[in-house]
Amino acid sequence: MNKLNKSGAGKVFSVYWFAMILIIAGGVFAMVYLFYGTPFDVRELEAHVLTNKIADCVSYSGKINSNLISNGIISENKELFMENCHLTFSSIEWEEEQYYAEVDFYKLENLDNPFFSVTAGNSNWLSDCEIQENKEYKKLAKCNEGNFYSVDDANNQYIIKILTAVRKSEKNVKI
C-alpha cells in the first residue's frame, strides 16, 4: 500500500475553521451592536403605565378612593394626591421633573368644564402634548390620555380624564 502524506489537508482545514470563527464572531458583534447600539424609546409605554397607576389610585372597582376625599369633597391638594398615589416625579439624575400628570373630574351633567382638577409634575410638557396632536415629533414628550367612569360614596357620578406626559428624551431618543 502507498502511504500518502496528509499534512496539506490539515492546513486547508484550519483555513476553514478560521473563516468560521470570523463569521461567528462577526455575527455576535452585529447582534450586540444592534441590541445596544440605539436606545429603546419606552416613553410612550411609560406614559401608559403612569396613566394606569393613577387610574388605579383614583378609583378602585368603580369607586373613587376615599383617601382622596375630605369632608365629602375630592381634595385638589397636589401633595395629598402624590402621597396617596405613591408618586414621585423628582429624581436625582434629572435637574427638572420629567413627568406631568393631570386628573380632571367631570360631572355627567357638564362634560365641558371639569368639576375640579389635580395636576402634578412639570407643566412645560403639557405644551408638547398639544403640539403633537397633528404630527409626532421624536424629541418632544410622549403623552397618553385615558378616561373612565366612577362614583363616590354618595353615588355622585364622574367621568375622570387622566393626561400624562413623559419627557426623558435625552436617554431615550438618539439625537
Foldseek 3Di string as FASTA:
>chain_A
DDDDDCPVVVVVVVVVVVVVVVVVVVVVVVVVCVVPVAFAACLQVVQVVVVVLLVCQQDPPQEGDPQQDDPNRRDQDQVSSCVSSVHDQDDPVDPFGFKKKKKFKCFPVDPPDGPDMHIDGDCVLVVVVVVPPPHDDQQHWHKDKDWDWHAYPVRGIIIMMMMMTGGPSVRHPDD
